[in-house]
Amino acid sequence: MEQTGSQRREKRGILGLLSRFARSRKGVTAIEFGMVGIPFIGLICAIFETAFVFFTQATFDNAVNNVARQVLVNNFMSTSSQTTSAFKTATFCTALPSIIDCSKVTLNVQAFDSSTSTFASVASSIGKSWYNNPSTNVNLGQPGWIVLFQAFYPMPVYLSILVASGPTNNGAANLLGHSSNSVYANPASGGTGFVHAIFSTVVFRNEP
């Protein structure tokens, strides 16, 4: 069936419109940004969170070292054994920066008589599982004793979608299914999700 002139003009108009649309470069930048913008912003957030984890770990280590130094020079020998909550509130929390919620910190401080223990034997007892069943007392030992000072802080994970996809024992599996040694299932009572496991351990001998 032969097309009329108006039909041919209409067809050419539609083809011309499609051709101009295909050649048009308007809006390309917006489309490209929409494609890469979300991954790019996610990457920036992940970089900031990783940097914040390292900063928190460094400040936490510094606080543990400062308190351990006070124990080492026998500042607390008059109260060598006390409840963990009392020691944490009166001594440890005051050494922490405000970015760390001290109420979530768990401590494990043990002392070993150096006449029956060595650094090698104490080292064999160092692990990470204690935070699930921490001691209720802090033992700062006596002059000359070996002290094991451990602290744990469950730092919140702010960008969890990029960190983990599921639990692996008490830890987490990342997006590739590999287990993580630094991201744990929240150990708090009733806690959900994941946390960055901030651990710090110091072993020293009290001054005579």
N, C-alpha and C. Protein backbone atom coordinates (compact mmCIF):
# COMPACT_ATOMS: atom_id res chain seq x y z
N MET A 1 0.85 -1.20 0.00
CA MET A 1 0.00 0.00 0.00
C MET A 1 0.88 1.24 0.00
N GLU A 2 0.67 2.11 -0.97
CA GLU A 2 1.51 3.29 -1.10
C GLU A 2 1.19 4.30 0.00
N GLN A 3 2.27 4.84 0.56
CA GLN A 3 2.13 5.81 1.63
C GLN A 3 1.82 7.17 1.06
N THR A 4 1.03 7.90 1.79
CA THR A 4 0.71 9.26 1.39
C THR A 4 1.86 10.18 1.77
N GLY A 5 1.83 11.39 1.25
CA GLY A 5 2.89 12.35 1.55
C GLY A 5 2.98 12.66 3.02
N SER A 6 1.84 12.80 3.69
CA SER A 6 1.84 13.12 5.12
C SER A 6 2.42 11.97 5.93
N GLN A 7 2.16 10.72 5.51
CA GLN A 7 2.70 9.57 6.22
C GLN A 7 4.22 9.51 6.08
N ARG A 8 4.70 9.83 4.83
CA ARG A 8 6.14 9.82 4.62
C ARG A 8 6.82 10.91 5.45
N ARG A 9 6.18 12.08 5.48
CA ARG A 9 6.76 13.17 6.27
C ARG A 9 6.77 12.81 7.76
N GLU A 10 5.71 12.15 8.22
CA GLU A 10 5.64 11.75 9.62
C GLU A 10 6.72 10.73 9.94
N LYS A 11 6.94 9.78 8.99
CA LYS A 11 7.96 8.76 9.21
C LYS A 11 9.34 9.40 9.25
N ARG A 12 9.60 10.34 8.29
CA ARG A 12 10.90 10.99 8.28
C ARG A 12 11.10 11.82 9.55
N GLY A 13 10.00 12.39 10.08
CA GLY A 13 10.11 13.17 11.30
C GLY A 13 10.48 12.31 12.50
N ILE A 14 9.86 11.12 12.56
CA ILE A 14 10.18 10.20 13.67
C ILE A 14 11.62 9.72 13.57
N LEU A 15 12.05 9.33 12.34
CA LEU A 15 13.42 8.87 12.15
C LEU A 15 14.42 9.97 12.47
N GLY A 16 14.08 11.19 12.08
CA GLY A 16 14.97 12.31 12.36
C GLY A 16 15.09 12.57 13.86
N LEU A 17 13.94 12.44 14.56
CA LEU A 17 13.95 12.64 16.00
C LEU A 17 14.82 11.60 16.69
N LEU A 18 14.68 10.32 16.25
CA LEU A 18 15.49 9.26 16.83
C LEU A 18 16.97 9.45 16.51
N SER A 19 17.24 9.92 15.31
CA SER A 19 18.64 10.16 14.92
C SER A 19 19.25 11.27 15.76
N ARG A 20 18.50 12.36 15.96
CA ARG A 20 19.01 13.46 16.79
C ARG A 20 19.20 13.02 18.23
N PHE A 21 18.29 12.19 18.71
CA PHE A 21 18.40 11.69 20.09
C PHE A 21 19.66 10.82 20.25
N ALA A 22 19.95 10.00 19.23
CA ALA A 22 21.12 9.13 19.29
C ALA A 22 22.41 9.92 19.25
N ARG A 23 22.41 11.06 18.51
CA ARG A 23 23.62 11.87 18.39
C ARG A 23 23.78 12.86 19.54
N SER A 24 22.73 13.14 20.24
CA SER A 24 22.77 14.16 21.30
C SER A 24 23.68 13.72 22.44
N ARG A 25 24.51 14.65 22.95
CA ARG A 25 25.40 14.37 24.07
C ARG A 25 24.90 15.04 25.35
N LYS A 26 23.75 15.66 25.31
CA LYS A 26 23.21 16.32 26.50
C LYS A 26 22.86 15.29 27.57
N GLY A 27 23.24 15.56 28.78
CA GLY A 27 22.90 14.67 29.89
C GLY A 27 23.85 13.51 30.08
N VAL A 28 24.90 13.40 29.22
CA VAL A 28 25.83 12.28 29.33
C VAL A 28 26.56 12.32 30.68
N THR A 29 26.95 13.51 31.09
CA THR A 29 27.67 13.65 32.36
C THR A 29 26.82 13.18 33.53
N ALA A 30 25.54 13.54 33.52
CA ALA A 30 24.65 13.13 34.61
C ALA A 30 24.48 11.62 34.64
N ILE A 31 24.37 11.02 33.44
CA ILE A 31 24.21 9.56 33.37
C ILE A 31 25.47 8.86 33.86
N GLU A 32 26.64 9.35 33.42
CA GLU A 32 27.89 8.73 33.84
C GLU A 32 28.09 8.87 35.34
N PHE A 33 27.75 10.04 35.88
CA PHE A 33 27.90 10.23 37.32
C PHE A 33 26.95 9.31 38.08
N GLY A 34 25.76 9.11 37.55
CA GLY A 34 24.82 8.20 38.20
C GLY A 34 25.33 6.77 38.23
N MET A 35 26.13 6.40 37.20
CA MET A 35 26.67 5.04 37.13
C MET A 35 27.83 4.83 38.09
N VAL A 36 28.68 5.84 38.25
CA VAL A 36 29.88 5.67 39.08
C VAL A 36 29.78 6.39 40.42
N GLY A 37 28.78 7.25 40.58
CA GLY A 37 28.70 8.07 41.79
C GLY A 37 28.52 7.27 43.06
N ILE A 38 27.57 6.32 43.04
CA ILE A 38 27.28 5.54 44.26
C ILE A 38 28.49 4.69 44.67
N PRO A 39 29.14 3.93 43.74
CA PRO A 39 30.34 3.20 44.15
C PRO A 39 31.46 4.12 44.63
N PHE A 40 31.61 5.28 44.00
CA PHE A 40 32.67 6.21 44.39
C PHE A 40 32.43 6.76 45.79
N ILE A 41 31.19 7.17 46.07
CA ILE A 41 30.87 7.67 47.41
C ILE A 41 31.04 6.57 48.45
N GLY A 42 30.63 5.33 48.10
CA GLY A 42 30.82 4.21 49.01
C GLY A 42 32.29 3.97 49.31
N LEU A 43 33.14 4.08 48.28
CA LEU A 43 34.58 3.90 48.47
C LEU A 43 35.15 4.98 49.39
N ILE A 44 34.72 6.22 49.19
CA ILE A 44 35.19 7.32 50.05
C ILE A 44 34.79 7.07 51.50
N CYS A 45 33.54 6.64 51.71
CA CYS A 45 33.07 6.35 53.07
C CYS A 45 33.87 5.21 53.69
N ALA A 46 34.18 4.18 52.88
CA ALA A 46 34.96 3.04 53.39
C ALA A 46 36.36 3.48 53.78
N ILE A 47 36.96 4.39 53.00
CA ILE A 47 38.29 4.90 53.32
C ILE A 47 38.26 5.66 54.63
N PHE A 48 37.24 6.52 54.81
CA PHE A 48 37.13 7.28 56.05
C PHE A 48 36.92 6.35 57.25
N GLU A 49 36.09 5.32 57.08
CA GLU A 49 35.85 4.40 58.20
C GLU A 49 37.11 3.62 58.54
N THR A 50 37.83 3.17 57.52
CA THR A 50 39.08 2.44 57.78
C THR A 50 40.08 3.33 58.52
N ALA A 51 40.18 4.59 58.10
CA ALA A 51 41.08 5.52 58.78
C ALA A 51 40.65 5.74 60.23
N PHE A 52 39.34 5.81 60.46
CA PHE A 52 38.83 6.02 61.81
C PHE A 52 39.11 4.81 62.69
N VAL A 53 39.05 3.60 62.10
CA VAL A 53 39.37 2.39 62.85
C VAL A 53 40.83 2.41 63.29
N PHE A 54 41.73 2.77 62.38
CA PHE A 54 43.14 2.85 62.73
C PHE A 54 43.39 3.91 63.80
N PHE A 55 42.70 5.04 63.68
CA PHE A 55 42.86 6.11 64.67
C PHE A 55 42.36 5.65 66.04
N THR A 56 41.20 4.98 66.06
CA THR A 56 40.66 4.48 67.32
C THR A 56 41.58 3.44 67.95
N GLN A 57 42.12 2.54 67.12
CA GLN A 57 43.05 1.53 67.63
C GLN A 57 44.28 2.18 68.25
N ALA A 58 44.81 3.20 67.58
CA ALA A 58 46.01 3.88 68.09
C ALA A 58 45.74 4.58 69.42
N THR A 59 44.61 5.28 69.51
CA THR A 59 44.30 5.99 70.76
C THR A 59 43.98 5.00 71.88
N PHE A 60 43.37 3.86 71.53
CA PHE A 60 43.06 2.83 72.53
C PHE A 60 44.36 2.21 73.05
N ASP A 61 45.28 1.89 72.14
CA ASP A 61 46.58 1.36 72.55
C ASP A 61 47.31 2.34 73.46
N ASN A 62 47.23 3.61 73.12
CA ASN A 62 47.91 4.64 73.92
C ASN A 62 47.35 4.70 75.34
N ALA A 63 46.01 4.59 75.46
CA ALA A 63 45.38 4.61 76.78
C ALA A 63 45.80 3.40 77.60
N VAL A 64 45.81 2.23 76.96
CA VAL A 64 46.23 1.00 77.65
C VAL A 64 47.68 1.12 78.11
N ASN A 65 48.55 1.63 77.26
CA ASN A 65 49.96 1.79 77.63
C ASN A 65 50.14 2.76 78.79
N ASN A 66 49.36 3.85 78.79
CA ASN A 66 49.48 4.84 79.86
C ASN A 66 49.05 4.26 81.21
N VAL A 67 47.93 3.53 81.21
CA VAL A 67 47.46 2.93 82.45
C VAL A 67 48.41 1.81 82.89
N ALA A 68 48.87 1.02 81.94
CA ALA A 68 49.82 -0.04 82.27
C ALA A 68 51.09 0.53 82.89
N ARG A 69 51.52 1.68 82.41
CA ARG A 69 52.71 2.33 82.97
C ARG A 69 52.49 2.69 84.43
N GLN A 70 51.28 3.15 84.76
CA GLN A 70 50.98 3.47 86.16
C GLN A 70 51.00 2.22 87.03
N VAL A 71 50.51 1.11 86.48
CA VAL A 71 50.54 -0.14 87.23
C VAL A 71 51.98 -0.60 87.42
N LEU A 72 52.77 -0.47 86.36
CA LEU A 72 54.16 -0.93 86.39
C LEU A 72 54.97 -0.24 87.49
N VAL A 73 54.73 1.06 87.68
CA VAL A 73 55.50 1.80 88.70
C VAL A 73 54.82 1.74 90.06
N ASN A 74 53.90 0.78 90.23
CA ASN A 74 53.30 0.49 91.53
C ASN A 74 52.42 1.62 92.07
N ASN A 75 51.76 2.34 91.19
CA ASN A 75 50.86 3.40 91.65
C ASN A 75 49.62 2.86 92.36
N PHE A 76 49.29 1.57 92.13
CA PHE A 76 48.05 1.03 92.65
C PHE A 76 48.28 -0.16 93.58
N MET A 77 49.47 -0.26 94.15
CA MET A 77 49.76 -1.43 94.97
C MET A 77 48.87 -1.52 96.21
N SER A 78 48.38 -0.37 96.68
CA SER A 78 47.51 -0.40 97.86
C SER A 78 46.16 -1.03 97.55
N THR A 79 45.83 -1.10 96.27
CA THR A 79 44.57 -1.74 95.85
C THR A 79 44.89 -2.71 94.72
N SER A 80 45.78 -3.66 95.01
CA SER A 80 46.28 -4.54 93.95
C SER A 80 45.19 -5.46 93.40
N SER A 81 44.12 -5.68 94.15
CA SER A 81 43.01 -6.49 93.66
C SER A 81 41.71 -5.75 93.91
N GLN A 82 40.96 -5.52 92.85
CA GLN A 82 39.71 -4.76 92.96
C GLN A 82 38.76 -5.21 91.86
N THR A 83 37.52 -4.77 91.95
CA THR A 83 36.56 -5.17 90.92
C THR A 83 36.93 -4.50 89.60
N THR A 84 36.60 -5.18 88.53
CA THR A 84 36.89 -4.63 87.20
C THR A 84 36.16 -3.32 86.98
N SER A 85 34.90 -3.24 87.41
CA SER A 85 34.11 -2.03 87.19
C SER A 85 34.70 -0.84 87.93
N ALA A 86 35.21 -1.07 89.15
CA ALA A 86 35.80 0.02 89.93
C ALA A 86 37.08 0.52 89.27
N PHE A 87 37.92 -0.40 88.84
CA PHE A 87 39.18 -0.01 88.19
C PHE A 87 38.90 0.69 86.86
N LYS A 88 37.94 0.17 86.12
CA LYS A 88 37.64 0.76 84.82
C LYS A 88 37.10 2.18 84.98
N THR A 89 36.17 2.35 85.91
CA THR A 89 35.55 3.67 86.08
C THR A 89 36.53 4.70 86.63
N ALA A 90 37.28 4.31 87.67
CA ALA A 90 38.14 5.27 88.36
C ALA A 90 39.46 5.52 87.64
N THR A 91 39.94 4.54 86.89
CA THR A 91 41.29 4.67 86.31
C THR A 91 41.30 4.61 84.79
N PHE A 92 40.74 3.53 84.23
CA PHE A 92 40.90 3.33 82.80
C PHE A 92 40.08 4.32 81.98
N CYS A 93 38.85 4.54 82.35
CA CYS A 93 37.98 5.43 81.56
C CYS A 93 38.52 6.85 81.49
N THR A 94 39.18 7.29 82.55
CA THR A 94 39.71 8.66 82.56
C THR A 94 40.85 8.83 81.57
N ALA A 95 41.45 7.72 81.14
CA ALA A 95 42.56 7.79 80.19
C ALA A 95 42.09 7.71 78.74
N LEU A 96 40.81 7.42 78.53
CA LEU A 96 40.29 7.26 77.18
C LEU A 96 39.80 8.58 76.59
N PRO A 97 39.93 8.77 75.28
CA PRO A 97 39.36 9.95 74.64
C PRO A 97 37.84 9.83 74.56
N SER A 98 37.18 10.93 74.31
CA SER A 98 35.72 10.96 74.31
C SER A 98 35.11 10.18 73.14
N ILE A 99 35.89 9.88 72.11
CA ILE A 99 35.34 9.15 70.96
C ILE A 99 35.07 7.69 71.29
N ILE A 100 35.60 7.21 72.42
CA ILE A 100 35.42 5.81 72.81
C ILE A 100 34.43 5.74 73.96
N ASP A 101 33.40 4.93 73.78
CA ASP A 101 32.39 4.73 74.82
C ASP A 101 32.93 3.72 75.83
N CYS A 102 33.40 4.21 76.97
CA CYS A 102 34.07 3.36 77.95
C CYS A 102 33.13 2.32 78.55
N SER A 103 31.82 2.59 78.54
CA SER A 103 30.88 1.62 79.10
C SER A 103 30.88 0.30 78.33
N LYS A 104 31.37 0.33 77.09
CA LYS A 104 31.41 -0.88 76.27
C LYS A 104 32.76 -1.60 76.33
N VAL A 105 33.71 -1.01 77.03
CA VAL A 105 35.05 -1.60 77.12
C VAL A 105 35.06 -2.77 78.09
N THR A 106 35.79 -3.82 77.73
CA THR A 106 35.97 -4.99 78.59
C THR A 106 37.45 -5.12 78.94
N LEU A 107 37.74 -5.36 80.22
CA LEU A 107 39.12 -5.47 80.68
C LEU A 107 39.41 -6.87 81.21
N ASN A 108 40.65 -7.27 81.06
CA ASN A 108 41.13 -8.54 81.63
C ASN A 108 42.55 -8.29 82.13
N VAL A 109 42.71 -8.12 83.43
CA VAL A 109 44.02 -7.82 84.02
C VAL A 109 44.36 -8.92 85.02
N GLN A 110 45.42 -9.65 84.73
CA GLN A 110 45.85 -10.75 85.59
C GLN A 110 47.31 -10.54 86.01
N ALA A 111 47.64 -11.06 87.18
CA ALA A 111 49.02 -10.96 87.68
C ALA A 111 49.54 -12.36 87.98
N PHE A 112 50.83 -12.57 87.73
CA PHE A 112 51.47 -13.86 87.92
C PHE A 112 52.71 -13.69 88.78
N ASP A 113 52.83 -14.51 89.79
CA ASP A 113 53.99 -14.48 90.66
C ASP A 113 55.22 -14.88 89.84
N SER A 114 56.20 -13.99 89.78
CA SER A 114 57.37 -14.24 88.94
C SER A 114 58.25 -15.37 89.47
N SER A 115 58.01 -15.80 90.71
CA SER A 115 58.79 -16.92 91.23
C SER A 115 58.31 -18.25 90.67
N THR A 116 57.11 -18.26 90.14
CA THR A 116 56.55 -19.50 89.57
C THR A 116 56.16 -19.35 88.10
N SER A 117 56.22 -18.12 87.56
CA SER A 117 55.82 -17.89 86.17
C SER A 117 56.91 -17.12 85.43
N THR A 118 56.94 -17.33 84.11
CA THR A 118 57.86 -16.61 83.24
C THR A 118 57.06 -15.91 82.15
N PHE A 119 57.74 -15.03 81.40
CA PHE A 119 57.07 -14.36 80.30
C PHE A 119 56.61 -15.37 79.25
N ALA A 120 57.37 -16.44 79.06
CA ALA A 120 56.98 -17.46 78.08
C ALA A 120 55.70 -18.17 78.49
N SER A 121 55.59 -18.49 79.78
CA SER A 121 54.38 -19.18 80.24
C SER A 121 53.17 -18.24 80.20
N VAL A 122 53.39 -16.95 80.49
CA VAL A 122 52.29 -15.98 80.42
C VAL A 122 51.84 -15.79 78.98
N ALA A 123 52.82 -15.76 78.06
CA ALA A 123 52.50 -15.56 76.64
C ALA A 123 51.60 -16.65 76.11
N SER A 124 51.76 -17.86 76.63
CA SER A 124 50.95 -18.98 76.15
C SER A 124 49.48 -18.83 76.54
N SER A 125 49.19 -17.96 77.50
CA SER A 125 47.81 -17.76 77.94
C SER A 125 47.13 -16.59 77.24
N ILE A 126 47.86 -15.88 76.39
CA ILE A 126 47.29 -14.71 75.70
C ILE A 126 46.40 -15.17 74.55
N GLY A 127 45.19 -14.67 74.50
CA GLY A 127 44.24 -14.98 73.43
C GLY A 127 43.19 -13.89 73.35
N LYS A 128 42.20 -14.12 72.49
CA LYS A 128 41.14 -13.14 72.31
C LYS A 128 39.78 -13.61 72.83
N SER A 129 39.69 -14.87 73.17
CA SER A 129 38.39 -15.42 73.55
C SER A 129 37.91 -14.95 74.92
N TRP A 130 38.80 -14.36 75.72
CA TRP A 130 38.45 -13.98 77.08
C TRP A 130 37.32 -12.95 77.13
N TYR A 131 37.16 -12.15 76.09
CA TYR A 131 36.17 -11.07 76.16
C TYR A 131 34.74 -11.59 76.25
N ASN A 132 34.54 -12.87 75.87
CA ASN A 132 33.21 -13.46 76.02
C ASN A 132 32.93 -13.88 77.46
N ASN A 133 33.99 -14.06 78.24
CA ASN A 133 33.84 -14.47 79.64
C ASN A 133 34.91 -13.77 80.48
N PRO A 134 34.82 -12.44 80.60
CA PRO A 134 35.87 -11.68 81.28
C PRO A 134 35.85 -11.89 82.80
N SER A 135 37.02 -11.66 83.41
CA SER A 135 37.12 -11.77 84.86
C SER A 135 36.38 -10.61 85.52
N THR A 136 35.84 -10.86 86.70
CA THR A 136 35.12 -9.80 87.43
C THR A 136 36.06 -8.99 88.32
N ASN A 137 37.31 -9.44 88.42
CA ASN A 137 38.29 -8.74 89.25
C ASN A 137 39.52 -8.35 88.44
N VAL A 138 40.15 -7.27 88.86
CA VAL A 138 41.41 -6.83 88.29
C VAL A 138 42.50 -7.11 89.32
N ASN A 139 43.49 -7.89 88.90
CA ASN A 139 44.61 -8.21 89.79
C ASN A 139 45.86 -7.51 89.26
N LEU A 140 46.31 -6.49 89.99
CA LEU A 140 47.47 -5.71 89.56
C LEU A 140 48.78 -6.27 90.09
N GLY A 141 48.70 -7.33 90.88
CA GLY A 141 49.90 -8.00 91.34
C GLY A 141 50.66 -7.25 92.42
N GLN A 142 51.86 -7.73 92.68
CA GLN A 142 52.75 -7.16 93.67
C GLN A 142 54.05 -6.72 92.99
N PRO A 143 54.89 -5.98 93.66
CA PRO A 143 56.17 -5.60 93.05
C PRO A 143 56.94 -6.82 92.54
N GLY A 144 57.40 -6.73 91.30
CA GLY A 144 58.15 -7.82 90.69
C GLY A 144 57.30 -8.85 89.99
N TRP A 145 56.00 -8.79 90.11
CA TRP A 145 55.13 -9.76 89.46
C TRP A 145 54.94 -9.41 87.98
N ILE A 146 54.58 -10.41 87.18
CA ILE A 146 54.28 -10.21 85.76
C ILE A 146 52.78 -9.94 85.61
N VAL A 147 52.45 -8.91 84.87
CA VAL A 147 51.05 -8.52 84.70
C VAL A 147 50.66 -8.61 83.22
N LEU A 148 49.53 -9.24 82.99
CA LEU A 148 48.93 -9.30 81.66
C LEU A 148 47.74 -8.36 81.64
N PHE A 149 47.82 -7.31 80.81
CA PHE A 149 46.79 -6.27 80.74
C PHE A 149 46.16 -6.33 79.35
N GLN A 150 44.87 -6.71 79.28
CA GLN A 150 44.17 -6.80 78.01
C GLN A 150 42.90 -5.94 78.05
N ALA A 151 42.59 -5.33 76.92
CA ALA A 151 41.39 -4.51 76.82
C ALA A 151 40.74 -4.73 75.46
N PHE A 152 39.42 -4.65 75.44
CA PHE A 152 38.65 -4.86 74.20
C PHE A 152 37.58 -3.79 74.09
N TYR A 153 37.46 -3.23 72.88
CA TYR A 153 36.41 -2.23 72.62
C TYR A 153 35.68 -2.59 71.33
N PRO A 154 34.37 -2.84 71.39
CA PRO A 154 33.59 -3.14 70.18
C PRO A 154 33.18 -1.86 69.46
N MET A 155 34.00 -1.41 68.56
CA MET A 155 33.73 -0.17 67.83
C MET A 155 32.62 -0.40 66.81
N PRO A 156 31.63 0.48 66.77
CA PRO A 156 30.53 0.30 65.81
C PRO A 156 31.01 0.28 64.36
N VAL A 157 30.36 -0.51 63.54
CA VAL A 157 30.61 -0.53 62.10
C VAL A 157 29.59 0.40 61.45
N TYR A 158 30.06 1.46 60.84
CA TYR A 158 29.16 2.46 60.29
C TYR A 158 28.75 2.15 58.86
N LEU A 159 29.58 1.41 58.12
CA LEU A 159 29.28 1.11 56.73
C LEU A 159 29.26 -0.40 56.57
N SER A 160 28.33 -1.05 57.24
CA SER A 160 28.32 -2.51 57.33
C SER A 160 28.14 -3.19 55.99
N ILE A 161 27.49 -2.55 55.03
CA ILE A 161 27.23 -3.21 53.76
C ILE A 161 28.53 -3.52 53.01
N LEU A 162 29.59 -2.76 53.28
CA LEU A 162 30.87 -2.98 52.62
C LEU A 162 31.80 -3.87 53.43
N VAL A 163 31.39 -4.24 54.64
CA VAL A 163 32.29 -4.95 55.54
C VAL A 163 32.01 -6.43 55.60
N ALA A 164 30.76 -6.80 55.76
CA ALA A 164 30.47 -8.22 56.02
C ALA A 164 29.14 -8.62 55.42
N SER A 165 29.03 -9.92 55.18
CA SER A 165 27.80 -10.45 54.63
C SER A 165 27.15 -11.49 55.53
N GLY A 166 27.86 -12.00 56.53
CA GLY A 166 27.28 -13.00 57.41
C GLY A 166 28.25 -13.43 58.48
N PRO A 167 27.77 -14.08 59.54
CA PRO A 167 28.65 -14.48 60.64
C PRO A 167 29.49 -15.70 60.30
N THR A 168 30.70 -15.74 60.85
CA THR A 168 31.56 -16.91 60.79
C THR A 168 32.07 -17.15 62.21
N ASN A 169 31.44 -18.08 62.91
CA ASN A 169 31.68 -18.25 64.35
C ASN A 169 31.39 -16.93 65.05
N ASN A 170 32.37 -16.38 65.78
CA ASN A 170 32.13 -15.10 66.43
C ASN A 170 32.56 -13.94 65.55
N GLY A 171 33.13 -14.26 64.38
CA GLY A 171 33.57 -13.21 63.47
C GLY A 171 32.57 -12.99 62.36
N ALA A 172 33.06 -12.54 61.21
CA ALA A 172 32.17 -12.23 60.10
C ALA A 172 32.82 -12.67 58.80
N ALA A 173 32.01 -12.92 57.81
CA ALA A 173 32.51 -13.24 56.47
C ALA A 173 32.33 -12.01 55.59
N ASN A 174 33.36 -11.64 54.84
CA ASN A 174 33.22 -10.47 53.99
C ASN A 174 32.46 -10.83 52.72
N LEU A 175 32.39 -9.88 51.81
CA LEU A 175 31.57 -10.07 50.61
C LEU A 175 32.10 -11.21 49.72
N LEU A 176 33.36 -11.60 49.90
CA LEU A 176 33.93 -12.71 49.14
C LEU A 176 33.84 -14.02 49.90
N GLY A 177 33.24 -14.00 51.10
CA GLY A 177 33.09 -15.20 51.89
C GLY A 177 34.29 -15.54 52.75
N HIS A 178 35.30 -14.66 52.78
CA HIS A 178 36.49 -14.90 53.60
C HIS A 178 36.22 -14.45 55.03
N SER A 179 36.72 -15.23 55.99
CA SER A 179 36.50 -14.86 57.39
C SER A 179 37.32 -13.64 57.76
N SER A 180 36.81 -12.85 58.70
CA SER A 180 37.47 -11.63 59.14
C SER A 180 37.98 -11.80 60.56
N ASN A 181 39.18 -11.29 60.81
CA ASN A 181 39.75 -11.32 62.15
C ASN A 181 39.58 -10.00 62.88
N SER A 182 38.97 -9.04 62.23
CA SER A 182 38.84 -7.72 62.84
C SER A 182 37.39 -7.24 62.95
N VAL A 183 36.46 -7.97 62.33
CA VAL A 183 35.05 -7.62 62.42
C VAL A 183 34.32 -8.77 63.08
N TYR A 184 33.67 -8.48 64.23
CA TYR A 184 33.02 -9.51 65.02
C TYR A 184 31.51 -9.28 65.07
N ALA A 185 30.78 -10.37 65.29
CA ALA A 185 29.37 -10.22 65.64
C ALA A 185 29.31 -9.49 66.97
N ASN A 186 28.40 -8.56 67.10
CA ASN A 186 28.33 -7.72 68.29
C ASN A 186 28.22 -8.57 69.56
N PRO A 187 29.23 -8.51 70.47
CA PRO A 187 29.21 -9.36 71.66
C PRO A 187 28.36 -8.82 72.79
N ALA A 188 27.86 -7.60 72.65
CA ALA A 188 27.06 -7.01 73.72
C ALA A 188 25.78 -7.79 73.93
N SER A 189 25.29 -7.77 75.15
CA SER A 189 24.05 -8.47 75.46
C SER A 189 22.90 -7.87 74.63
N GLY A 190 22.30 -8.70 73.81
CA GLY A 190 21.23 -8.22 72.94
C GLY A 190 21.73 -7.45 71.74
N GLY A 191 23.06 -7.40 71.56
CA GLY A 191 23.62 -6.64 70.45
C GLY A 191 23.37 -7.31 69.11
N THR A 192 23.23 -6.51 68.08
CA THR A 192 23.01 -7.03 66.73
C THR A 192 24.05 -6.43 65.78
N GLY A 193 24.18 -7.05 64.62
CA GLY A 193 25.10 -6.53 63.63
C GLY A 193 26.54 -6.85 63.95
N PHE A 194 27.44 -6.04 63.39
CA PHE A 194 28.87 -6.28 63.52
C PHE A 194 29.57 -5.09 64.15
N VAL A 195 30.75 -5.36 64.73
CA VAL A 195 31.58 -4.31 65.32
C VAL A 195 33.03 -4.55 64.90
N HIS A 196 33.81 -3.47 64.88
CA HIS A 196 35.24 -3.59 64.70
C HIS A 196 35.84 -4.03 66.04
N ALA A 197 36.59 -5.11 66.04
CA ALA A 197 37.18 -5.63 67.28
C ALA A 197 38.49 -4.90 67.55
N ILE A 198 38.45 -3.99 68.53
CA ILE A 198 39.64 -3.23 68.91
C ILE A 198 40.24 -3.88 70.15
N PHE A 199 41.35 -4.59 69.96
CA PHE A 199 42.03 -5.27 71.06
C PHE A 199 43.35 -4.57 71.35
N SER A 200 43.75 -4.60 72.62
CA SER A 200 45.07 -4.10 73.00
C SER A 200 45.59 -4.96 74.14
N THR A 201 46.85 -5.39 74.04
CA THR A 201 47.45 -6.27 75.05
C THR A 201 48.84 -5.78 75.41
N VAL A 202 49.12 -5.72 76.72
CA VAL A 202 50.43 -5.33 77.22
C VAL A 202 50.84 -6.34 78.29
N VAL A 203 52.08 -6.82 78.22
CA VAL A 203 52.62 -7.71 79.25
C VAL A 203 53.88 -7.05 79.81
N PHE A 204 53.97 -6.96 81.14
CA PHE A 204 55.12 -6.26 81.75
C PHE A 204 55.35 -6.82 83.14
N ARG A 205 56.50 -6.48 83.68
CA ARG A 205 56.84 -6.87 85.04
C ARG A 205 56.82 -5.62 85.93
N ASN A 206 56.07 -5.68 87.01
CA ASN A 206 56.03 -4.55 87.94
C ASN A 206 57.43 -4.26 88.49
N GLU A 207 57.67 -3.00 88.72
CA GLU A 207 58.95 -2.63 89.32
C GLU A 207 59.04 -3.18 90.75
N PRO A 208 60.23 -3.51 91.20
CA PRO A 208 60.40 -4.05 92.54
C PRO A 208 59.94 -3.06 93.61
